[in-house]
All heavy atoms as atom14 arrays in JSON, in Angstrom:
{
  "sequence": "QAQLNSAFQVGVQEGYMIENGEITKPIRDTSISGIAIEALKKITAVGK",
  "atom14_mask": [
    [1, 1, 1, 1, 1, 1, 1, 1, 1, 0, 0, 0, 0, 0],
    [1, 1, 1, 1, 1, 0, 0, 0, 0, 0, 0, 0, 0, 0],
    [1, 1, 1, 1, 1, 1, 1, 1, 1, 0, 0, 0, 0, 0],
    [1, 1, 1, 1, 1, 1, 1, 1, 0, 0, 0, 0, 0, 0],
    [1, 1, 1, 1, 1, 1, 1, 1, 0, 0, 0, 0, 0, 0],
    [1, 1, 1, 1, 1, 1, 0, 0, 0, 0, 0, 0, 0, 0],
    [1, 1, 1, 1, 1, 0, 0, 0, 0, 0, 0, 0, 0, 0],
    [1, 1, 1, 1, 1, 1, 1, 1, 1, 1, 1, 0, 0, 0],
    [1, 1, 1, 1, 1, 1, 1, 1, 1, 0, 0, 0, 0, 0],
    [1, 1, 1, 1, 1, 1, 1, 0, 0, 0, 0, 0, 0, 0],
    [1, 1, 1, 1, 0, 0, 0, 0, 0, 0, 0, 0, 0, 0],
    [1, 1, 1, 1, 1, 1, 1, 0, 0, 0, 0, 0, 0, 0],
    [1, 1, 1, 1, 1, 1, 1, 1, 1, 0, 0, 0, 0, 0],
    [1, 1, 1, 1, 1, 1, 1, 1, 1, 0, 0, 0, 0, 0],
    [1, 1, 1, 1, 0, 0, 0, 0, 0, 0, 0, 0, 0, 0],
    [1, 1, 1, 1, 1, 1, 1, 1, 1, 1, 1, 1, 0, 0],
    [1, 1, 1, 1, 1, 1, 1, 1, 0, 0, 0, 0, 0, 0],
    [1, 1, 1, 1, 1, 1, 1, 1, 0, 0, 0, 0, 0, 0],
    [1, 1, 1, 1, 1, 1, 1, 1, 1, 0, 0, 0, 0, 0],
    [1, 1, 1, 1, 1, 1, 1, 1, 0, 0, 0, 0, 0, 0],
    [1, 1, 1, 1, 0, 0, 0, 0, 0, 0, 0, 0, 0, 0],
    [1, 1, 1, 1, 1, 1, 1, 1, 1, 0, 0, 0, 0, 0],
    [1, 1, 1, 1, 1, 1, 1, 1, 0, 0, 0, 0, 0, 0],
    [1, 1, 1, 1, 1, 1, 1, 0, 0, 0, 0, 0, 0, 0],
    [1, 1, 1, 1, 1, 1, 1, 1, 1, 0, 0, 0, 0, 0],
    [1, 1, 1, 1, 1, 1, 1, 0, 0, 0, 0, 0, 0, 0],
    [1, 1, 1, 1, 1, 1, 1, 1, 0, 0, 0, 0, 0, 0],
    [1, 1, 1, 1, 1, 1, 1, 1, 1, 1, 1, 0, 0, 0],
    [1, 1, 1, 1, 1, 1, 1, 1, 0, 0, 0, 0, 0, 0],
    [1, 1, 1, 1, 1, 1, 1, 0, 0, 0, 0, 0, 0, 0],
    [1, 1, 1, 1, 1, 1, 0, 0, 0, 0, 0, 0, 0, 0],
    [1, 1, 1, 1, 1, 1, 1, 1, 0, 0, 0, 0, 0, 0],
    [1, 1, 1, 1, 1, 1, 0, 0, 0, 0, 0, 0, 0, 0],
    [1, 1, 1, 1, 0, 0, 0, 0, 0, 0, 0, 0, 0, 0],
    [1, 1, 1, 1, 1, 1, 1, 1, 0, 0, 0, 0, 0, 0],
    [1, 1, 1, 1, 1, 0, 0, 0, 0, 0, 0, 0, 0, 0],
    [1, 1, 1, 1, 1, 1, 1, 1, 0, 0, 0, 0, 0, 0],
    [1, 1, 1, 1, 1, 1, 1, 1, 1, 0, 0, 0, 0, 0],
    [1, 1, 1, 1, 1, 0, 0, 0, 0, 0, 0, 0, 0, 0],
    [1, 1, 1, 1, 1, 1, 1, 1, 0, 0, 0, 0, 0, 0],
    [1, 1, 1, 1, 1, 1, 1, 1, 1, 0, 0, 0, 0, 0],
    [1, 1, 1, 1, 1, 1, 1, 1, 1, 0, 0, 0, 0, 0],
    [1, 1, 1, 1, 1, 1, 1, 1, 0, 0, 0, 0, 0, 0],
    [1, 1, 1, 1, 1, 1, 1, 0, 0, 0, 0, 0, 0, 0],
    [1, 1, 1, 1, 1, 0, 0, 0, 0, 0, 0, 0, 0, 0],
    [1, 1, 1, 1, 1, 1, 1, 0, 0, 0, 0, 0, 0, 0],
    [1, 1, 1, 1, 0, 0, 0, 0, 0, 0, 0, 0, 0, 0],
    [1, 1, 1, 1, 1, 1, 1, 1, 1, 0, 0, 0, 0, 0]
  ],
  "atom14_positions": [
    [[118.47, -5.57, 68.5], [118.96, -6.83, 69.16], [117.79, -7.59, 69.72], [116.71, -7.06, 69.92], [119.94, -6.43, 70.3], [119.32, -5.55, 71.35], [120.33, -5.08, 72.38], [121.44, -5.51, 72.4], [119.93, -4.25, 73.34], [0.0, 0.0, 0.0], [0.0, 0.0, 0.0], [0.0, 0.0, 0.0], [0.0, 0.0, 0.0], [0.0, 0.0, 0.0]],
    [[117.98, -8.89, 69.86], [116.96, -9.79, 70.43], [117.63, -10.8, 71.32], [118.86, -11.06, 71.21], [116.15, -10.33, 69.34], [0.0, 0.0, 0.0], [0.0, 0.0, 0.0], [0.0, 0.0, 0.0], [0.0, 0.0, 0.0], [0.0, 0.0, 0.0], [0.0, 0.0, 0.0], [0.0, 0.0, 0.0], [0.0, 0.0, 0.0], [0.0, 0.0, 0.0]],
    [[116.88, -11.42, 72.16], [117.38, -12.37, 73.06], [116.48, -13.71, 72.87], [115.44, -13.68, 72.28], [117.25, -11.95, 74.47], [118.08, -10.67, 74.77], [117.86, -10.17, 76.13], [117.33, -10.77, 77.01], [118.19, -8.9, 76.34], [0.0, 0.0, 0.0], [0.0, 0.0, 0.0], [0.0, 0.0, 0.0], [0.0, 0.0, 0.0], [0.0, 0.0, 0.0]],
    [[117.02, -14.84, 73.48], [116.35, -16.09, 73.23], [114.99, -16.22, 74.02], [114.29, -17.2, 73.79], [117.25, -17.21, 73.57], [118.19, -17.72, 72.54], [119.12, -18.86, 72.96], [117.44, -18.14, 71.24], [0.0, 0.0, 0.0], [0.0, 0.0, 0.0], [0.0, 0.0, 0.0], [0.0, 0.0, 0.0], [0.0, 0.0, 0.0], [0.0, 0.0, 0.0]],
    [[114.66, -15.2, 74.8], [113.33, -15.23, 75.42], [112.34, -14.45, 74.54], [111.24, -14.2, 74.9], [113.35, -14.65, 76.84], [113.73, -13.12, 76.79], [114.07, -12.6, 75.77], [113.63, -12.51, 77.97], [0.0, 0.0, 0.0], [0.0, 0.0, 0.0], [0.0, 0.0, 0.0], [0.0, 0.0, 0.0], [0.0, 0.0, 0.0], [0.0, 0.0, 0.0]],
    [[112.8, -14.05, 73.31], [112.05, -13.37, 72.28], [111.97, -11.84, 72.66], [111.23, -11.07, 71.86], [110.74, -13.92, 71.98], [109.69, -13.48, 72.86], [0.0, 0.0, 0.0], [0.0, 0.0, 0.0], [0.0, 0.0, 0.0], [0.0, 0.0, 0.0], [0.0, 0.0, 0.0], [0.0, 0.0, 0.0], [0.0, 0.0, 0.0], [0.0, 0.0, 0.0]],
    [[112.68, -11.35, 73.64], [112.67, -9.88, 73.88], [113.44, -9.23, 72.79], [114.49, -9.68, 72.31], [113.36, -9.55, 75.22], [0.0, 0.0, 0.0], [0.0, 0.0, 0.0], [0.0, 0.0, 0.0], [0.0, 0.0, 0.0], [0.0, 0.0, 0.0], [0.0, 0.0, 0.0], [0.0, 0.0, 0.0], [0.0, 0.0, 0.0], [0.0, 0.0, 0.0]],
    [[112.96, -8.08, 72.25], [113.63, -7.37, 71.16], [113.57, -5.89, 71.39], [112.66, -5.34, 72.03], [112.98, -7.74, 69.82], [111.56, -7.22, 69.68], [111.34, -6.01, 69.1], [110.49, -8.01, 70.12], [110.0, -5.51, 69.01], [109.19, -7.53, 69.97], [108.95, -6.31, 69.4], [0.0, 0.0, 0.0], [0.0, 0.0, 0.0], [0.0, 0.0, 0.0]],
    [[114.61, -5.2, 70.9], [114.53, -3.77, 70.77], [115.19, -3.41, 69.42], [116.25, -3.83, 69.08], [115.4, -3.07, 71.85], [115.36, -1.55, 71.83], [115.89, -0.9, 73.1], [116.37, -1.63, 74.02], [115.94, 0.39, 73.09], [0.0, 0.0, 0.0], [0.0, 0.0, 0.0], [0.0, 0.0, 0.0], [0.0, 0.0, 0.0], [0.0, 0.0, 0.0]],
    [[114.46, -2.55, 68.63], [114.85, -2.22, 67.31], [114.81, -0.75, 67.1], [113.7, -0.14, 67.41], [113.88, -2.93, 66.27], [114.27, -2.5, 64.86], [113.97, -4.42, 66.42], [0.0, 0.0, 0.0], [0.0, 0.0, 0.0], [0.0, 0.0, 0.0], [0.0, 0.0, 0.0], [0.0, 0.0, 0.0], [0.0, 0.0, 0.0], [0.0, 0.0, 0.0]],
    [[115.88, -0.12, 66.58], [115.83, 1.28, 66.23], [115.0, 1.56, 65.01], [115.06, 0.7, 64.09], [0.0, 0.0, 0.0], [0.0, 0.0, 0.0], [0.0, 0.0, 0.0], [0.0, 0.0, 0.0], [0.0, 0.0, 0.0], [0.0, 0.0, 0.0], [0.0, 0.0, 0.0], [0.0, 0.0, 0.0], [0.0, 0.0, 0.0], [0.0, 0.0, 0.0]],
    [[114.32, 2.6, 64.97], [113.46, 2.91, 63.82], [114.08, 4.07, 63.0], [114.21, 5.14, 63.55], [112.03, 3.3, 64.27], [111.17, 3.72, 63.03], [111.4, 2.14, 64.98], [0.0, 0.0, 0.0], [0.0, 0.0, 0.0], [0.0, 0.0, 0.0], [0.0, 0.0, 0.0], [0.0, 0.0, 0.0], [0.0, 0.0, 0.0], [0.0, 0.0, 0.0]],
    [[114.38, 3.84, 61.81], [114.98, 4.98, 60.99], [113.95, 5.59, 60.06], [114.21, 6.63, 59.47], [116.17, 4.41, 60.15], [115.76, 3.45, 58.97], [116.93, 3.27, 58.02], [117.88, 4.04, 57.96], [116.92, 2.2, 57.29], [0.0, 0.0, 0.0], [0.0, 0.0, 0.0], [0.0, 0.0, 0.0], [0.0, 0.0, 0.0], [0.0, 0.0, 0.0]],
    [[112.75, 5.07, 59.98], [111.67, 5.73, 59.26], [110.39, 5.32, 59.94], [110.04, 4.16, 60.05], [111.62, 5.32, 57.82], [110.57, 6.1, 57.02], [110.48, 5.71, 55.57], [111.27, 4.9, 55.11], [109.61, 6.33, 54.82], [0.0, 0.0, 0.0], [0.0, 0.0, 0.0], [0.0, 0.0, 0.0], [0.0, 0.0, 0.0], [0.0, 0.0, 0.0]],
    [[109.63, 6.36, 60.38], [108.34, 6.08, 61.02], [107.48, 7.31, 61.02], [108.03, 8.5, 60.8], [0.0, 0.0, 0.0], [0.0, 0.0, 0.0], [0.0, 0.0, 0.0], [0.0, 0.0, 0.0], [0.0, 0.0, 0.0], [0.0, 0.0, 0.0], [0.0, 0.0, 0.0], [0.0, 0.0, 0.0], [0.0, 0.0, 0.0], [0.0, 0.0, 0.0]],
    [[106.2, 7.12, 61.25], [105.27, 8.28, 61.18], [104.14, 8.09, 62.2], [103.8, 7.0, 62.67], [104.53, 8.34, 59.75], [105.55, 8.39, 58.69], [106.1, 7.23, 58.11], [106.04, 9.61, 58.19], [107.01, 7.29, 57.09], [106.98, 9.73, 57.13], [107.5, 8.52, 56.63], [108.44, 8.61, 55.59], [0.0, 0.0, 0.0], [0.0, 0.0, 0.0]],
    [[103.5, 9.21, 62.55], [102.4, 9.19, 63.44], [101.13, 8.81, 62.61], [101.02, 9.15, 61.43], [102.19, 10.54, 64.13], [103.35, 10.94, 65.07], [103.21, 12.61, 65.63], [101.54, 12.72, 66.44], [0.0, 0.0, 0.0], [0.0, 0.0, 0.0], [0.0, 0.0, 0.0], [0.0, 0.0, 0.0], [0.0, 0.0, 0.0], [0.0, 0.0, 0.0]],
    [[100.2, 8.15, 63.29], [98.84, 7.94, 62.78], [97.89, 8.8, 63.59], [97.8, 8.52, 64.79], [98.44, 6.51, 62.71], [99.53, 5.66, 61.96], [97.08, 6.28, 62.07], [99.27, 4.11, 62.1], [0.0, 0.0, 0.0], [0.0, 0.0, 0.0], [0.0, 0.0, 0.0], [0.0, 0.0, 0.0], [0.0, 0.0, 0.0], [0.0, 0.0, 0.0]],
    [[97.15, 9.63, 62.96], [96.21, 10.43, 63.65], [94.83, 10.45, 62.94], [94.78, 10.81, 61.78], [96.75, 11.94, 63.8], [97.98, 12.02, 64.62], [98.52, 13.36, 64.74], [98.99, 13.86, 63.69], [98.38, 13.98, 65.82], [0.0, 0.0, 0.0], [0.0, 0.0, 0.0], [0.0, 0.0, 0.0], [0.0, 0.0, 0.0], [0.0, 0.0, 0.0]],
    [[93.79, 9.96, 63.65], [92.49, 9.95, 63.09], [92.41, 9.23, 61.69], [91.8, 9.71, 60.74], [91.88, 11.35, 62.97], [91.73, 12.01, 64.31], [91.27, 11.38, 65.25], [92.13, 13.25, 64.41], [0.0, 0.0, 0.0], [0.0, 0.0, 0.0], [0.0, 0.0, 0.0], [0.0, 0.0, 0.0], [0.0, 0.0, 0.0], [0.0, 0.0, 0.0]],
    [[93.13, 8.11, 61.63], [93.14, 7.31, 60.4], [94.0, 7.79, 59.29], [93.9, 7.3, 58.15], [0.0, 0.0, 0.0], [0.0, 0.0, 0.0], [0.0, 0.0, 0.0], [0.0, 0.0, 0.0], [0.0, 0.0, 0.0], [0.0, 0.0, 0.0], [0.0, 0.0, 0.0], [0.0, 0.0, 0.0], [0.0, 0.0, 0.0], [0.0, 0.0, 0.0]],
    [[94.9, 8.8, 59.54], [95.73, 9.34, 58.49], [97.21, 9.32, 58.92], [97.51, 9.49, 60.15], [95.33, 10.84, 58.2], [93.87, 11.01, 57.78], [93.74, 10.52, 56.33], [94.75, 10.49, 55.62], [92.53, 10.31, 55.94], [0.0, 0.0, 0.0], [0.0, 0.0, 0.0], [0.0, 0.0, 0.0], [0.0, 0.0, 0.0], [0.0, 0.0, 0.0]],
    [[98.1, 9.11, 57.95], [99.52, 9.23, 58.21], [99.84, 10.67, 58.24], [99.56, 11.43, 57.33], [100.37, 8.46, 57.12], [99.92, 7.04, 57.04], [101.87, 8.57, 57.4], [100.16, 6.2, 58.23], [0.0, 0.0, 0.0], [0.0, 0.0, 0.0], [0.0, 0.0, 0.0], [0.0, 0.0, 0.0], [0.0, 0.0, 0.0], [0.0, 0.0, 0.0]],
    [[100.49, 11.08, 59.37], [100.81, 12.52, 59.46], [102.33, 12.76, 59.65], [103.14, 12.51, 58.72], [100.06, 13.14, 60.67], [100.35, 12.46, 61.9], [98.54, 13.11, 60.37], [0.0, 0.0, 0.0], [0.0, 0.0, 0.0], [0.0, 0.0, 0.0], [0.0, 0.0, 0.0], [0.0, 0.0, 0.0], [0.0, 0.0, 0.0], [0.0, 0.0, 0.0]],
    [[102.74, 13.28, 60.79], [104.14, 13.68, 60.93], [105.17, 12.48, 61.03], [104.88, 11.51, 61.67], [104.28, 14.51, 62.26], [103.41, 15.75, 62.3], [103.35, 16.4, 63.66], [102.39, 17.47, 63.76], [102.31, 18.0, 65.19], [0.0, 0.0, 0.0], [0.0, 0.0, 0.0], [0.0, 0.0, 0.0], [0.0, 0.0, 0.0], [0.0, 0.0, 0.0]],
    [[106.35, 12.76, 60.5], [107.39, 11.72, 60.74], [107.91, 11.76, 62.17], [107.78, 12.82, 62.82], [108.5, 12.13, 59.74], [108.27, 13.59, 59.41], [106.81, 13.76, 59.6], [0.0, 0.0, 0.0], [0.0, 0.0, 0.0], [0.0, 0.0, 0.0], [0.0, 0.0, 0.0], [0.0, 0.0, 0.0], [0.0, 0.0, 0.0], [0.0, 0.0, 0.0]],
    [[108.47, 10.71, 62.61], [109.1, 10.61, 63.95], [110.6, 10.35, 63.92], [111.13, 9.8, 62.97], [108.42, 9.56, 64.8], [108.4, 8.2, 64.13], [106.91, 9.97, 65.13], [107.78, 7.09, 64.93], [0.0, 0.0, 0.0], [0.0, 0.0, 0.0], [0.0, 0.0, 0.0], [0.0, 0.0, 0.0], [0.0, 0.0, 0.0], [0.0, 0.0, 0.0]],
    [[111.31, 10.72, 64.96], [112.75, 10.61, 64.97], [113.22, 10.06, 66.33], [112.45, 9.99, 67.3], [113.46, 11.89, 64.7], [113.16, 13.05, 65.63], [113.99, 14.24, 65.36], [115.38, 14.13, 65.92], [116.48, 14.15, 65.23], [116.41, 14.47, 63.87], [117.71, 14.08, 65.73], [0.0, 0.0, 0.0], [0.0, 0.0, 0.0], [0.0, 0.0, 0.0]],
    [[114.49, 9.63, 66.43], [115.02, 9.15, 67.64], [114.12, 8.15, 68.36], [113.77, 8.3, 69.46], [115.32, 10.32, 68.71], [116.31, 11.29, 68.09], [117.18, 10.87, 67.24], [116.25, 12.51, 68.37], [0.0, 0.0, 0.0], [0.0, 0.0, 0.0], [0.0, 0.0, 0.0], [0.0, 0.0, 0.0], [0.0, 0.0, 0.0], [0.0, 0.0, 0.0]],
    [[113.76, 7.16, 67.54], [112.66, 6.2, 68.01], [113.25, 4.71, 68.06], [114.02, 4.36, 67.16], [111.53, 6.28, 67.01], [111.14, 7.59, 66.86], [110.36, 5.48, 67.5], [0.0, 0.0, 0.0], [0.0, 0.0, 0.0], [0.0, 0.0, 0.0], [0.0, 0.0, 0.0], [0.0, 0.0, 0.0], [0.0, 0.0, 0.0], [0.0, 0.0, 0.0]],
    [[112.7, 3.97, 68.91], [112.88, 2.55, 68.89], [111.56, 1.88, 69.31], [110.71, 2.43, 69.92], [114.01, 2.07, 69.79], [113.6, 2.31, 71.2], [0.0, 0.0, 0.0], [0.0, 0.0, 0.0], [0.0, 0.0, 0.0], [0.0, 0.0, 0.0], [0.0, 0.0, 0.0], [0.0, 0.0, 0.0], [0.0, 0.0, 0.0], [0.0, 0.0, 0.0]],
    [[111.45, 0.56, 68.96], [110.35, -0.19, 69.44], [110.87, -1.4, 70.16], [112.02, -1.93, 69.93], [109.47, -0.7, 68.31], [110.28, -1.45, 67.22], [108.68, 0.46, 67.66], [109.44, -2.19, 66.2], [0.0, 0.0, 0.0], [0.0, 0.0, 0.0], [0.0, 0.0, 0.0], [0.0, 0.0, 0.0], [0.0, 0.0, 0.0], [0.0, 0.0, 0.0]],
    [[110.17, -1.93, 71.2], [110.63, -3.0, 71.98], [109.46, -3.79, 72.43], [108.27, -3.33, 72.45], [111.47, -2.54, 73.22], [110.63, -1.63, 74.02], [0.0, 0.0, 0.0], [0.0, 0.0, 0.0], [0.0, 0.0, 0.0], [0.0, 0.0, 0.0], [0.0, 0.0, 0.0], [0.0, 0.0, 0.0], [0.0, 0.0, 0.0], [0.0, 0.0, 0.0]],
    [[109.71, -5.06, 72.85], [108.65, -5.92, 73.36], [109.15, -7.35, 73.47], [110.33, -7.64, 73.38], [0.0, 0.0, 0.0], [0.0, 0.0, 0.0], [0.0, 0.0, 0.0], [0.0, 0.0, 0.0], [0.0, 0.0, 0.0], [0.0, 0.0, 0.0], [0.0, 0.0, 0.0], [0.0, 0.0, 0.0], [0.0, 0.0, 0.0], [0.0, 0.0, 0.0]],
    [[108.27, -8.23, 73.86], [108.45, -9.73, 73.93], [107.7, -10.28, 72.7], [106.47, -10.2, 72.7], [107.95, -10.31, 75.19], [108.6, -9.5, 76.38], [108.27, -11.75, 75.26], [110.07, -9.75, 76.57], [0.0, 0.0, 0.0], [0.0, 0.0, 0.0], [0.0, 0.0, 0.0], [0.0, 0.0, 0.0], [0.0, 0.0, 0.0], [0.0, 0.0, 0.0]],
    [[108.38, -10.81, 71.71], [107.72, -11.17, 70.49], [106.63, -12.18, 70.64], [105.53, -12.07, 70.02], [108.81, -11.68, 69.45], [0.0, 0.0, 0.0], [0.0, 0.0, 0.0], [0.0, 0.0, 0.0], [0.0, 0.0, 0.0], [0.0, 0.0, 0.0], [0.0, 0.0, 0.0], [0.0, 0.0, 0.0], [0.0, 0.0, 0.0], [0.0, 0.0, 0.0]],
    [[106.84, -13.15, 71.59], [105.78, -14.23, 71.7], [104.56, -13.62, 72.32], [103.44, -14.17, 72.19], [106.29, -15.43, 72.45], [106.83, -15.09, 73.82], [107.32, -16.14, 71.62], [107.25, -16.27, 74.63], [0.0, 0.0, 0.0], [0.0, 0.0, 0.0], [0.0, 0.0, 0.0], [0.0, 0.0, 0.0], [0.0, 0.0, 0.0], [0.0, 0.0, 0.0]],
    [[104.64, -12.46, 73.01], [103.47, -11.8, 73.58], [102.89, -10.87, 72.46], [101.66, -10.75, 72.35], [103.89, -10.94, 74.85], [104.33, -11.85, 75.92], [103.31, -12.77, 76.42], [102.1, -12.53, 76.44], [103.61, -13.96, 76.77], [0.0, 0.0, 0.0], [0.0, 0.0, 0.0], [0.0, 0.0, 0.0], [0.0, 0.0, 0.0], [0.0, 0.0, 0.0]],
    [[103.76, -10.2, 71.7], [103.29, -9.29, 70.67], [102.4, -10.07, 69.6], [101.55, -9.54, 69.04], [104.47, -8.57, 70.03], [0.0, 0.0, 0.0], [0.0, 0.0, 0.0], [0.0, 0.0, 0.0], [0.0, 0.0, 0.0], [0.0, 0.0, 0.0], [0.0, 0.0, 0.0], [0.0, 0.0, 0.0], [0.0, 0.0, 0.0], [0.0, 0.0, 0.0]],
    [[102.89, -11.33, 69.39], [102.17, -12.18, 68.4], [100.64, -12.23, 68.68], [99.84, -12.22, 67.75], [102.69, -13.61, 68.37], [103.98, -13.88, 67.63], [104.45, -15.3, 67.9], [103.77, -13.7, 66.13], [0.0, 0.0, 0.0], [0.0, 0.0, 0.0], [0.0, 0.0, 0.0], [0.0, 0.0, 0.0], [0.0, 0.0, 0.0], [0.0, 0.0, 0.0]],
    [[100.3, -12.33, 69.96], [98.99, -12.43, 70.41], [98.16, -11.19, 70.11], [96.93, -11.15, 70.15], [98.9, -12.79, 71.89], [99.6, -14.1, 72.24], [99.72, -14.24, 73.75], [100.57, -15.49, 74.11], [100.74, -15.62, 75.57], [0.0, 0.0, 0.0], [0.0, 0.0, 0.0], [0.0, 0.0, 0.0], [0.0, 0.0, 0.0], [0.0, 0.0, 0.0]],
    [[98.86, -10.03, 69.92], [98.25, -8.71, 69.78], [98.09, -8.38, 68.29], [97.63, -7.24, 68.01], [99.08, -7.64, 70.47], [99.32, -7.96, 72.04], [98.05, -7.77, 72.82], [98.4, -7.91, 74.29], [97.21, -7.77, 75.15], [0.0, 0.0, 0.0], [0.0, 0.0, 0.0], [0.0, 0.0, 0.0], [0.0, 0.0, 0.0], [0.0, 0.0, 0.0]],
    [[98.47, -9.25, 67.4], [98.29, -8.94, 65.97], [96.77, -9.0, 65.67], [96.04, -9.92, 65.94], [98.98, -9.95, 65.11], [100.55, -9.9, 65.34], [98.66, -9.74, 63.6], [101.28, -10.98, 64.69], [0.0, 0.0, 0.0], [0.0, 0.0, 0.0], [0.0, 0.0, 0.0], [0.0, 0.0, 0.0], [0.0, 0.0, 0.0], [0.0, 0.0, 0.0]],
    [[96.28, -7.87, 65.05], [94.87, -7.73, 64.79], [94.55, -7.75, 63.2], [93.38, -7.85, 62.86], [94.25, -6.54, 65.46], [95.0, -5.38, 65.06], [94.28, -6.73, 66.98], [0.0, 0.0, 0.0], [0.0, 0.0, 0.0], [0.0, 0.0, 0.0], [0.0, 0.0, 0.0], [0.0, 0.0, 0.0], [0.0, 0.0, 0.0], [0.0, 0.0, 0.0]],
    [[95.64, -7.54, 62.4], [95.41, -7.42, 60.99], [96.63, -7.77, 60.21], [97.8, -7.32, 60.7], [94.86, -5.99, 60.62], [0.0, 0.0, 0.0], [0.0, 0.0, 0.0], [0.0, 0.0, 0.0], [0.0, 0.0, 0.0], [0.0, 0.0, 0.0], [0.0, 0.0, 0.0], [0.0, 0.0, 0.0], [0.0, 0.0, 0.0], [0.0, 0.0, 0.0]],
    [[96.49, -8.45, 59.17], [97.63, -8.92, 58.24], [97.31, -8.43, 56.85], [96.28, -8.75, 56.29], [97.92, -10.44, 58.27], [99.04, -10.75, 57.38], [98.13, -10.87, 59.72], [0.0, 0.0, 0.0], [0.0, 0.0, 0.0], [0.0, 0.0, 0.0], [0.0, 0.0, 0.0], [0.0, 0.0, 0.0], [0.0, 0.0, 0.0], [0.0, 0.0, 0.0]],
    [[98.26, -7.63, 56.33], [98.05, -7.03, 54.97], [98.08, -8.0, 53.87], [98.67, -9.04, 53.94], [0.0, 0.0, 0.0], [0.0, 0.0, 0.0], [0.0, 0.0, 0.0], [0.0, 0.0, 0.0], [0.0, 0.0, 0.0], [0.0, 0.0, 0.0], [0.0, 0.0, 0.0], [0.0, 0.0, 0.0], [0.0, 0.0, 0.0], [0.0, 0.0, 0.0]],
    [[97.55, -7.57, 52.73], [97.51, -8.42, 51.55], [98.75, -8.2, 50.67], [98.97, -8.87, 49.67], [96.25, -8.1, 50.68], [96.16, -6.65, 50.18], [94.88, -6.43, 49.32], [93.65, -6.52, 50.22], [92.43, -6.25, 49.4], [0.0, 0.0, 0.0], [0.0, 0.0, 0.0], [0.0, 0.0, 0.0], [0.0, 0.0, 0.0], [0.0, 0.0, 0.0]]
  ]
}
């Protein structure tokens, strides 16, 4: 779900840990949340 202030919360049905530059264990019962217009400023890399 999301709101008009750009706050969002999203359930994650597939995700993994990153440890020392490697994809390792899968994760469960997970969600991500934030304020999208603030998260935009924290983008450091965009894939090809």
